[in-house]
Amino acid sequence: MPSYPTISQPNWRIVLNLYLFFFYFSGITHLLLQLTDSTIFVGFRQAVYMSLLWLVPVLLFPHRTRAIAATIGLVLWASSLVSLGYFCIYRQEFSQSVLFIIFESNPAESSEYIAQYFRWWMLLVFAAHTAIAIFLWRRLHAPALSPRSAKIASLVIVTFLFLFPLFKESVVKGQGWDEAVDKLQRRMEPAEPWQMVVGYLQYRKQLNNMQSLLEKNAALPPVENLQDAYRDLPSTLVMVIGESTNRQHLSL
């Protein structure tokens, strides 16, 4: 049996402090969005739900509470800086379409963007954001739950966040597995770091779909007896260049 430290705080408060630490990274930007009336409440609600996930490893391994929280917190912090920085610039929620633009941008474009939009006061915002996260981390303690209670609580969290939504979509509503997983990913997306993870997965999916389409087009046989009825007349060639056009895209 593992030994648990004796803490003067009630156990529910210890667990609440753990949850607030994990929720902070997703919640701060969503709270700002709500205060500025920039988006609806759905994203904030999903961030509240999905932040429960990070309690599971702490509940299962309470003797490593601070190490686990620091590792997860570092990932959440890095992801939250992107969302917070985007809010500072546009006062809008960081979206999947923005990730597509980021993945398609080259280093030169990224440098020009940062030089144009970055402001010195953003460093103060990031520093305050980091300081609050460190303050919340320093208040963390190991939850004094029995191994059985920790496993039950972890199972309830996983069931609520993943198993029940998948069962509801695939079995109750009769949707396909891919549709159920896609909807689950969209529920996860408002929380850190799933914005980045889900956005990248969707980006790769779009690239694969485009590659499949190109392969199908390349397999089409050439049109026989094709003649240009206007070949002897003056003609004008119109070239449309998008802002993200580069040498990797010219084959399209």
C-alpha atoms as a PDB file:
ATOM      1  CA  MET A   1       0.000   0.000   0.000  1.00  0.00           C
ATOM      2  CA  PRO A   2       1.445   3.416  -0.939  1.00  0.00           C
ATOM      3  CA  SER A   3       1.702   5.961   1.835  1.00  0.00           C
ATOM      4  CA  TYR A   4      -0.048   9.287   1.417  1.00  0.00           C
ATOM      5  CA  PRO A   5       1.184  12.520   3.012  1.00  0.00           C
ATOM      6  CA  THR A   6      -0.930  14.106   5.681  1.00  0.00           C
ATOM      7  CA  ILE A   7      -2.220  17.421   4.332  1.00  0.00           C
ATOM      8  CA  SER A   8      -4.040  20.031   6.391  1.00  0.00           C
ATOM      9  CA  GLN A   9      -6.364  20.817   3.464  1.00  0.00           C
ATOM     10  CA  PRO A  10      -9.501  18.742   2.860  1.00  0.00           C
ATOM     11  CA  ASN A  11      -9.015  16.191   0.102  1.00  0.00           C
ATOM     12  CA  TRP A  12     -11.705  17.761  -2.083  1.00  0.00           C
ATOM     13  CA  ARG A  13      -9.782  21.029  -2.033  1.00  0.00           C
ATOM     14  CA  ILE A  14      -6.585  19.255  -3.067  1.00  0.00           C
ATOM     15  CA  VAL A  15      -8.357  17.696  -6.060  1.00  0.00           C
ATOM     16  CA  LEU A  16      -9.973  21.044  -6.872  1.00  0.00           C
ATOM     17  CA  ASN A  17      -6.578  22.764  -6.893  1.00  0.00           C
ATOM     18  CA  LEU A  18      -5.284  20.089  -9.260  1.00  0.00           C
ATOM     19  CA  TYR A  19      -8.221  20.581 -11.587  1.00  0.00           C
ATOM     20  CA  LEU A  20      -7.883  24.377 -11.540  1.00  0.00           C
ATOM     21  CA  PHE A  21      -4.228  24.065 -12.485  1.00  0.00           C
ATOM     22  CA  PHE A  22      -5.023  21.957 -15.548  1.00  0.00           C
ATOM     23  CA  PHE A  23      -8.109  23.980 -16.484  1.00  0.00           C
ATOM     24  CA  TYR A  24      -6.265  27.282 -16.226  1.00  0.00           C
ATOM     25  CA  PHE A  25      -4.348  26.782 -19.473  1.00  0.00           C
ATOM     26  CA  SER A  26      -7.526  26.270 -21.512  1.00  0.00           C
ATOM     27  CA  GLY A  27      -9.818  28.380 -19.377  1.00  0.00           C
ATOM     28  CA  ILE A  28      -7.919  31.670 -19.376  1.00  0.00           C
ATOM     29  CA  THR A  29      -8.371  32.308 -23.109  1.00  0.00           C
ATOM     30  CA  HIS A  30     -11.964  31.065 -23.118  1.00  0.00           C
ATOM     31  CA  LEU A  31     -12.740  33.303 -20.148  1.00  0.00           C
ATOM     32  CA  LEU A  32     -11.324  36.304 -22.007  1.00  0.00           C
ATOM     33  CA  LEU A  33     -13.397  35.355 -25.049  1.00  0.00           C
ATOM     34  CA  GLN A  34     -16.529  35.247 -22.906  1.00  0.00           C
ATOM     35  CA  LEU A  35     -15.769  38.558 -21.204  1.00  0.00           C
ATOM     36  CA  THR A  36     -15.265  40.268 -24.576  1.00  0.00           C
ATOM     37  CA  ASP A  37     -18.354  38.555 -26.057  1.00  0.00           C
ATOM     38  CA  SER A  38     -16.218  37.151 -28.861  1.00  0.00           C
ATOM     39  CA  THR A  39     -17.672  33.627 -29.019  1.00  0.00           C
ATOM     40  CA  ILE A  40     -20.443  31.392 -27.744  1.00  0.00           C
ATOM     41  CA  PHE A  41     -20.286  29.355 -24.538  1.00  0.00           C
ATOM     42  CA  VAL A  42     -19.728  25.943 -26.147  1.00  0.00           C
ATOM     43  CA  GLY A  43     -15.935  26.212 -26.269  1.00  0.00           C
ATOM     44  CA  PHE A  44     -15.718  27.217 -22.609  1.00  0.00           C
ATOM     45  CA  ARG A  45     -17.981  24.312 -21.623  1.00  0.00           C
ATOM     46  CA  GLN A  46     -15.901  21.783 -23.551  1.00  0.00           C
ATOM     47  CA  ALA A  47     -12.714  23.135 -21.979  1.00  0.00           C
ATOM     48  CA  VAL A  48     -14.298  22.585 -18.555  1.00  0.00           C
ATOM     49  CA  TYR A  49     -15.075  18.975 -19.434  1.00  0.00           C
ATOM     50  CA  MET A  50     -11.854  18.014 -21.188  1.00  0.00           C
ATOM     51  CA  SER A  51      -9.623  19.430 -18.448  1.00  0.00           C
ATOM     52  CA  LEU A  52     -10.852  16.583 -16.231  1.00  0.00           C
ATOM     53  CA  LEU A  53      -8.723  14.180 -18.266  1.00  0.00           C
ATOM     54  CA  TRP A  54      -5.461  15.359 -16.720  1.00  0.00           C
ATOM     55  CA  LEU A  55      -6.638  14.339 -13.254  1.00  0.00           C
ATOM     56  CA  VAL A  56      -6.420  10.663 -14.230  1.00  0.00           C
ATOM     57  CA  PRO A  57      -2.604  10.200 -14.142  1.00  0.00           C
ATOM     58  CA  VAL A  58      -2.381  12.206 -10.913  1.00  0.00           C
ATOM     59  CA  LEU A  59      -5.089  10.123  -9.254  1.00  0.00           C
ATOM     60  CA  LEU A  60      -3.429   6.880 -10.335  1.00  0.00           C
ATOM     61  CA  PHE A  61       0.098   7.960  -9.331  1.00  0.00           C
ATOM     62  CA  PRO A  62      -0.374  10.413  -6.431  1.00  0.00           C
ATOM     63  CA  HIS A  63       3.211  10.049  -5.192  1.00  0.00           C
ATOM     64  CA  ARG A  64       4.347  11.748  -8.429  1.00  0.00           C
ATOM     65  CA  THR A  65       1.762  14.508  -8.393  1.00  0.00           C
ATOM     66  CA  ARG A  66       4.031  17.493  -8.917  1.00  0.00           C
ATOM     67  CA  ALA A  67       6.224  15.805 -11.522  1.00  0.00           C
ATOM     68  CA  ILE A  68       3.208  14.670 -13.548  1.00  0.00           C
ATOM     69  CA  ALA A  69       1.511  18.060 -13.197  1.00  0.00           C
ATOM     70  CA  ALA A  70       4.693  19.856 -14.256  1.00  0.00           C
ATOM     71  CA  THR A  71       5.136  17.655 -17.349  1.00  0.00           C
ATOM     72  CA  ILE A  72       1.519  17.986 -18.473  1.00  0.00           C
ATOM     73  CA  GLY A  73       1.483  21.655 -17.510  1.00  0.00           C
ATOM     74  CA  LEU A  74       4.520  22.398 -19.662  1.00  0.00           C
ATOM     75  CA  VAL A  75       2.751  20.989 -22.741  1.00  0.00           C
ATOM     76  CA  LEU A  76      -0.469  22.834 -21.923  1.00  0.00           C
ATOM     77  CA  TRP A  77       1.442  26.056 -21.253  1.00  0.00           C
ATOM     78  CA  ALA A  78       3.229  25.967 -24.611  1.00  0.00           C
ATOM     79  CA  SER A  79      -0.033  25.317 -26.450  1.00  0.00           C
ATOM     80  CA  SER A  80      -1.914  27.976 -24.491  1.00  0.00           C
ATOM     81  CA  LEU A  81       0.645  30.643 -25.425  1.00  0.00           C
ATOM     82  CA  VAL A  82      -0.398  30.278 -29.066  1.00  0.00           C
ATOM     83  CA  SER A  83      -4.100  30.647 -28.248  1.00  0.00           C
ATOM     84  CA  LEU A  84      -3.469  33.550 -25.890  1.00  0.00           C
ATOM     85  CA  GLY A  85      -1.240  35.310 -28.420  1.00  0.00           C
ATOM     86  CA  TYR A  86      -3.882  34.901 -31.119  1.00  0.00           C
ATOM     87  CA  PHE A  87      -6.461  36.443 -28.791  1.00  0.00           C
ATOM     88  CA  CYS A  88      -4.164  39.371 -28.058  1.00  0.00           C
ATOM     89  CA  ILE A  89      -3.905  40.099 -31.793  1.00  0.00           C
ATOM     90  CA  TYR A  90      -7.399  39.374 -33.094  1.00  0.00           C
ATOM     91  CA  ARG A  91      -9.666  39.088 -30.003  1.00  0.00           C
ATOM     92  CA  GLN A  92     -10.926  35.845 -31.517  1.00  0.00           C
ATOM     93  CA  GLU A  93     -10.735  32.133 -30.771  1.00  0.00           C
ATOM     94  CA  PHE A  94      -7.839  30.173 -32.236  1.00  0.00           C
ATOM     95  CA  SER A  95      -9.387  27.947 -34.909  1.00  0.00           C
ATOM     96  CA  GLN A  96      -8.487  24.962 -37.040  1.00  0.00           C
ATOM     97  CA  SER A  97      -8.306  27.085 -40.188  1.00  0.00           C
ATOM     98  CA  VAL A  98      -5.525  29.125 -38.561  1.00  0.00           C
ATOM     99  CA  LEU A  99      -3.547  25.939 -38.024  1.00  0.00           C
ATOM    100  CA  PHE A 100      -3.889  25.098 -41.712  1.00  0.00           C
ATOM    101  CA  ILE A 101      -2.359  28.478 -42.548  1.00  0.00           C
ATOM    102  CA  ILE A 102       0.473  27.936 -40.047  1.00  0.00           C
ATOM    103  CA  PHE A 103       1.335  24.503 -41.453  1.00  0.00           C
ATOM    104  CA  GLU A 104       1.332  25.887 -44.992  1.00  0.00           C
ATOM    105  CA  SER A 105       3.524  28.900 -44.154  1.00  0.00           C
ATOM    106  CA  ASN A 106       7.277  28.892 -44.659  1.00  0.00           C
ATOM    107  CA  PRO A 107       9.783  30.391 -42.174  1.00  0.00           C
ATOM    108  CA  ALA A 108      10.045  33.646 -44.114  1.00  0.00           C
ATOM    109  CA  GLU A 109       6.299  34.199 -44.032  1.00  0.00           C
ATOM    110  CA  SER A 110       6.175  33.344 -40.330  1.00  0.00           C
ATOM    111  CA  SER A 111       8.957  35.819 -39.543  1.00  0.00           C
ATOM    112  CA  GLU A 112       7.216  38.579 -41.470  1.00  0.00           C
ATOM    113  CA  TYR A 113       3.955  37.867 -39.659  1.00  0.00           C
ATOM    114  CA  ILE A 114       5.568  38.001 -36.215  1.00  0.00           C
ATOM    115  CA  ALA A 115       7.432  41.209 -37.084  1.00  0.00           C
ATOM    116  CA  GLN A 116       4.201  42.858 -38.224  1.00  0.00           C
ATOM    117  CA  TYR A 117       1.833  41.826 -35.446  1.00  0.00           C
ATOM    118  CA  PHE A 118       3.969  41.243 -32.355  1.00  0.00           C
ATOM    119  CA  ARG A 119       3.814  43.988 -29.697  1.00  0.00           C
ATOM    120  CA  TRP A 120       6.090  44.468 -26.705  1.00  0.00           C
ATOM    121  CA  TRP A 121       3.224  44.313 -24.194  1.00  0.00           C
ATOM    122  CA  MET A 122       2.515  40.723 -25.244  1.00  0.00           C
ATOM    123  CA  LEU A 123       5.673  39.720 -23.370  1.00  0.00           C
ATOM    124  CA  LEU A 124       4.095  41.082 -20.185  1.00  0.00           C
ATOM    125  CA  VAL A 125       0.933  39.096 -20.883  1.00  0.00           C
ATOM    126  CA  PHE A 126       2.925  35.902 -21.436  1.00  0.00           C
ATOM    127  CA  ALA A 127       5.005  36.537 -18.302  1.00  0.00           C
ATOM    128  CA  ALA A 128       1.878  37.056 -16.180  1.00  0.00           C
ATOM    129  CA  HIS A 129       0.312  33.946 -17.718  1.00  0.00           C
ATOM    130  CA  THR A 130       3.412  31.927 -16.819  1.00  0.00           C
ATOM    131  CA  ALA A 131       3.655  33.359 -13.298  1.00  0.00           C
ATOM    132  CA  ILE A 132       0.052  32.421 -12.501  1.00  0.00           C
ATOM    133  CA  ALA A 133       0.647  28.889 -13.788  1.00  0.00           C
ATOM    134  CA  ILE A 134       3.729  28.500 -11.563  1.00  0.00           C
ATOM    135  CA  PHE A 135       1.775  29.871  -8.589  1.00  0.00           C
ATOM    136  CA  LEU A 136      -1.001  27.310  -9.138  1.00  0.00           C
ATOM    137  CA  TRP A 137       1.544  24.519  -9.519  1.00  0.00           C
ATOM    138  CA  ARG A 138       3.270  25.359  -6.242  1.00  0.00           C
ATOM    139  CA  ARG A 139      -0.060  24.930  -4.410  1.00  0.00           C
ATOM    140  CA  LEU A 140      -0.498  21.333  -5.600  1.00  0.00           C
ATOM    141  CA  HIS A 141      -0.450  18.353  -3.238  1.00  0.00           C
ATOM    142  CA  ALA A 142      -1.000  14.637  -3.688  1.00  0.00           C
ATOM    143  CA  PRO A 143      -4.663  13.595  -3.371  1.00  0.00           C
ATOM    144  CA  ALA A 144      -5.148  11.162  -0.495  1.00  0.00           C
ATOM    145  CA  LEU A 145      -7.488   8.746  -2.250  1.00  0.00           C
ATOM    146  CA  SER A 146      -7.310   5.001  -1.793  1.00  0.00           C
ATOM    147  CA  PRO A 147      -6.120   3.061  -4.860  1.00  0.00           C
ATOM    148  CA  ARG A 148      -9.627   1.676  -5.362  1.00  0.00           C
ATOM    149  CA  SER A 149     -11.251   5.121  -5.196  1.00  0.00           C
ATOM    150  CA  ALA A 150      -8.632   6.562  -7.555  1.00  0.00           C
ATOM    151  CA  LYS A 151      -9.275   3.817 -10.131  1.00  0.00           C
ATOM    152  CA  ILE A 152     -13.046   4.273  -9.906  1.00  0.00           C
ATOM    153  CA  ALA A 153     -12.746   8.059 -10.284  1.00  0.00           C
ATOM    154  CA  SER A 154     -10.400   7.644 -13.262  1.00  0.00           C
ATOM    155  CA  LEU A 155     -12.790   5.176 -14.918  1.00  0.00           C
ATOM    156  CA  VAL A 156     -15.697   7.578 -14.426  1.00  0.00           C
ATOM    157  CA  ILE A 157     -13.716  10.421 -16.041  1.00  0.00           C
ATOM    158  CA  VAL A 158     -12.638   8.325 -19.042  1.00  0.00           C
ATOM    159  CA  THR A 159     -16.183   6.991 -19.487  1.00  0.00           C
ATOM    160  CA  PHE A 160     -17.685  10.474 -19.326  1.00  0.00           C
ATOM    161  CA  LEU A 161     -15.182  12.038 -21.718  1.00  0.00           C
ATOM    162  CA  PHE A 162     -14.657   9.256 -24.271  1.00  0.00           C
ATOM    163  CA  LEU A 163     -16.567   5.992 -23.889  1.00  0.00           C
ATOM    164  CA  PHE A 164     -20.054   7.441 -23.447  1.00  0.00           C
ATOM    165  CA  PRO A 165     -19.806   9.975 -26.324  1.00  0.00           C
ATOM    166  CA  LEU A 166     -18.499   7.276 -28.676  1.00  0.00           C
ATOM    167  CA  PHE A 167     -21.232   4.851 -27.596  1.00  0.00           C
ATOM    168  CA  LYS A 168     -23.889   7.534 -27.991  1.00  0.00           C
ATOM    169  CA  GLU A 169     -22.829   8.497 -31.506  1.00  0.00           C
ATOM    170  CA  SER A 170     -21.978   5.051 -32.896  1.00  0.00           C
ATOM    171  CA  VAL A 171     -24.614   2.888 -31.189  1.00  0.00           C
ATOM    172  CA  VAL A 172     -27.501   5.081 -30.066  1.00  0.00           C
ATOM    173  CA  LYS A 173     -27.473   7.440 -33.053  1.00  0.00           C
ATOM    174  CA  GLY A 174     -26.257   4.767 -35.461  1.00  0.00           C
ATOM    175  CA  GLN A 175     -23.448   6.825 -36.975  1.00  0.00           C
ATOM    176  CA  GLY A 176     -20.303   5.255 -38.371  1.00  0.00           C
ATOM    177  CA  TRP A 177     -17.175   4.918 -36.265  1.00  0.00           C
ATOM    178  CA  ASP A 178     -15.317   7.563 -38.272  1.00  0.00           C
ATOM    179  CA  GLU A 179     -18.150  10.053 -37.764  1.00  0.00           C
ATOM    180  CA  ALA A 180     -18.244   9.304 -34.028  1.00  0.00           C
ATOM    181  CA  VAL A 181     -14.484   9.791 -33.677  1.00  0.00           C
ATOM    182  CA  ASP A 182     -14.623  12.996 -35.730  1.00  0.00           C
ATOM    183  CA  LYS A 183     -17.336  14.426 -33.489  1.00  0.00           C
ATOM    184  CA  LEU A 184     -15.364  13.450 -30.383  1.00  0.00           C
ATOM    185  CA  GLN A 185     -12.318  15.245 -31.765  1.00  0.00           C
ATOM    186  CA  ARG A 186     -14.389  18.380 -32.305  1.00  0.00           C
ATOM    187  CA  ARG A 187     -15.559  18.176 -28.682  1.00  0.00           C
ATOM    188  CA  MET A 188     -11.929  17.953 -27.568  1.00  0.00           C
ATOM    189  CA  GLU A 189     -10.676  20.741 -29.800  1.00  0.00           C
ATOM    190  CA  PRO A 190     -11.500  23.779 -27.570  1.00  0.00           C
ATOM    191  CA  ALA A 191      -9.208  22.458 -24.816  1.00  0.00           C
ATOM    192  CA  GLU A 192      -5.420  22.590 -24.784  1.00  0.00           C
ATOM    193  CA  PRO A 193      -3.458  20.975 -26.367  1.00  0.00           C
ATOM    194  CA  TRP A 194      -6.100  19.310 -28.521  1.00  0.00           C
ATOM    195  CA  GLN A 195      -6.436  22.398 -30.715  1.00  0.00           C
ATOM    196  CA  MET A 196      -2.966  21.649 -32.062  1.00  0.00           C
ATOM    197  CA  VAL A 197      -3.308  17.865 -32.089  1.00  0.00           C
ATOM    198  CA  VAL A 198      -6.742  17.713 -33.735  1.00  0.00           C
ATOM    199  CA  GLY A 199      -5.842  20.537 -36.107  1.00  0.00           C
ATOM    200  CA  TYR A 200      -2.741  18.678 -37.283  1.00  0.00           C
ATOM    201  CA  LEU A 201      -4.686  15.428 -37.745  1.00  0.00           C
ATOM    202  CA  GLN A 202      -7.305  17.244 -39.812  1.00  0.00           C
ATOM    203  CA  TYR A 203      -4.545  18.921 -41.817  1.00  0.00           C
ATOM    204  CA  ARG A 204      -2.967  15.562 -42.633  1.00  0.00           C
ATOM    205  CA  LYS A 205      -6.384  14.206 -43.554  1.00  0.00           C
ATOM    206  CA  GLN A 206      -6.925  17.080 -45.993  1.00  0.00           C
ATOM    207  CA  LEU A 207      -3.519  16.482 -47.577  1.00  0.00           C
ATOM    208  CA  ASN A 208      -4.247  12.769 -47.989  1.00  0.00           C
ATOM    209  CA  ASN A 209      -7.606  13.534 -49.579  1.00  0.00           C
ATOM    210  CA  MET A 210      -5.964  15.973 -51.972  1.00  0.00           C
ATOM    211  CA  GLN A 211      -3.264  13.454 -52.859  1.00  0.00           C
ATOM    212  CA  SER A 212      -5.908  10.802 -53.565  1.00  0.00           C
ATOM    213  CA  LEU A 213      -7.768  13.247 -55.794  1.00  0.00           C
ATOM    214  CA  LEU A 214      -4.586  14.073 -57.735  1.00  0.00           C
ATOM    215  CA  GLU A 215      -3.829  10.396 -58.229  1.00  0.00           C
ATOM    216  CA  LYS A 216      -7.346   9.768 -59.544  1.00  0.00           C
ATOM    217  CA  ASN A 217      -7.049  12.702 -61.933  1.00  0.00           C
ATOM    218  CA  ALA A 218      -3.658  11.513 -63.152  1.00  0.00           C
ATOM    219  CA  ALA A 219      -5.147   8.089 -63.890  1.00  0.00           C
ATOM    220  CA  LEU A 220      -7.794   9.524 -66.236  1.00  0.00           C
ATOM    221  CA  PRO A 221      -7.106   8.735 -69.895  1.00  0.00           C
ATOM    222  CA  PRO A 222      -6.351  11.704 -72.169  1.00  0.00           C
ATOM    223  CA  VAL A 223      -9.216  13.133 -74.216  1.00  0.00           C
ATOM    224  CA  GLU A 224      -9.034  11.897 -77.796  1.00  0.00           C
ATOM    225  CA  ASN A 225      -9.468  14.147 -80.831  1.00  0.00           C
ATOM    226  CA  LEU A 226      -9.476  17.290 -78.690  1.00  0.00           C
ATOM    227  CA  GLN A 227      -9.238  20.431 -80.820  1.00  0.00           C
ATOM    228  CA  ASP A 228      -9.102  24.096 -79.821  1.00  0.00           C
ATOM    229  CA  ALA A 229     -11.722  25.898 -81.901  1.00  0.00           C
ATOM    230  CA  TYR A 230     -10.187  29.267 -80.994  1.00  0.00           C
ATOM    231  CA  ARG A 231      -6.511  28.445 -81.502  1.00  0.00           C
ATOM    232  CA  ASP A 232      -6.112  30.931 -84.394  1.00  0.00           C
ATOM    233  CA  LEU A 233      -7.783  33.797 -82.512  1.00  0.00           C
ATOM    234  CA  PRO A 234      -6.154  36.236 -80.060  1.00  0.00           C
ATOM    235  CA  SER A 235      -6.361  34.919 -76.494  1.00  0.00           C
ATOM    236  CA  THR A 236      -5.713  36.152 -72.981  1.00  0.00           C
ATOM    237  CA  LEU A 237      -4.182  33.990 -70.268  1.00  0.00           C
ATOM    238  CA  VAL A 238      -5.353  34.756 -66.714  1.00  0.00           C
ATOM    239  CA  MET A 239      -3.180  33.521 -63.839  1.00  0.00           C
ATOM    240  CA  VAL A 240      -4.651  33.661 -60.324  1.00  0.00           C
ATOM    241  CA  ILE A 241      -2.028  33.596 -57.569  1.00  0.00           C
ATOM    242  CA  GLY A 242      -3.097  33.048 -53.960  1.00  0.00           C
ATOM    243  CA  GLU A 243      -1.279  34.477 -50.965  1.00  0.00           C
ATOM    244  CA  SER A 244       0.057  31.041 -49.975  1.00  0.00           C
ATOM    245  CA  THR A 245       1.271  30.068 -53.449  1.00  0.00           C
ATOM    246  CA  ASN A 246       4.825  28.779 -53.454  1.00  0.00           C
ATOM    247  CA  ARG A 247       6.938  26.378 -55.485  1.00  0.00           C
ATOM    248  CA  GLN A 248       5.415  23.360 -53.674  1.00  0.00           C
ATOM    249  CA  HIS A 249       1.950  24.318 -54.965  1.00  0.00           C
ATOM    250  CA  LEU A 250       2.690  25.203 -58.584  1.00  0.00           C
ATOM    251  CA  SER A 251       2.004  21.629 -59.703  1.00  0.00           C
ATOM    252  CA  LEU A 252      -1.678  22.204 -58.951  1.00  0.00           C
END
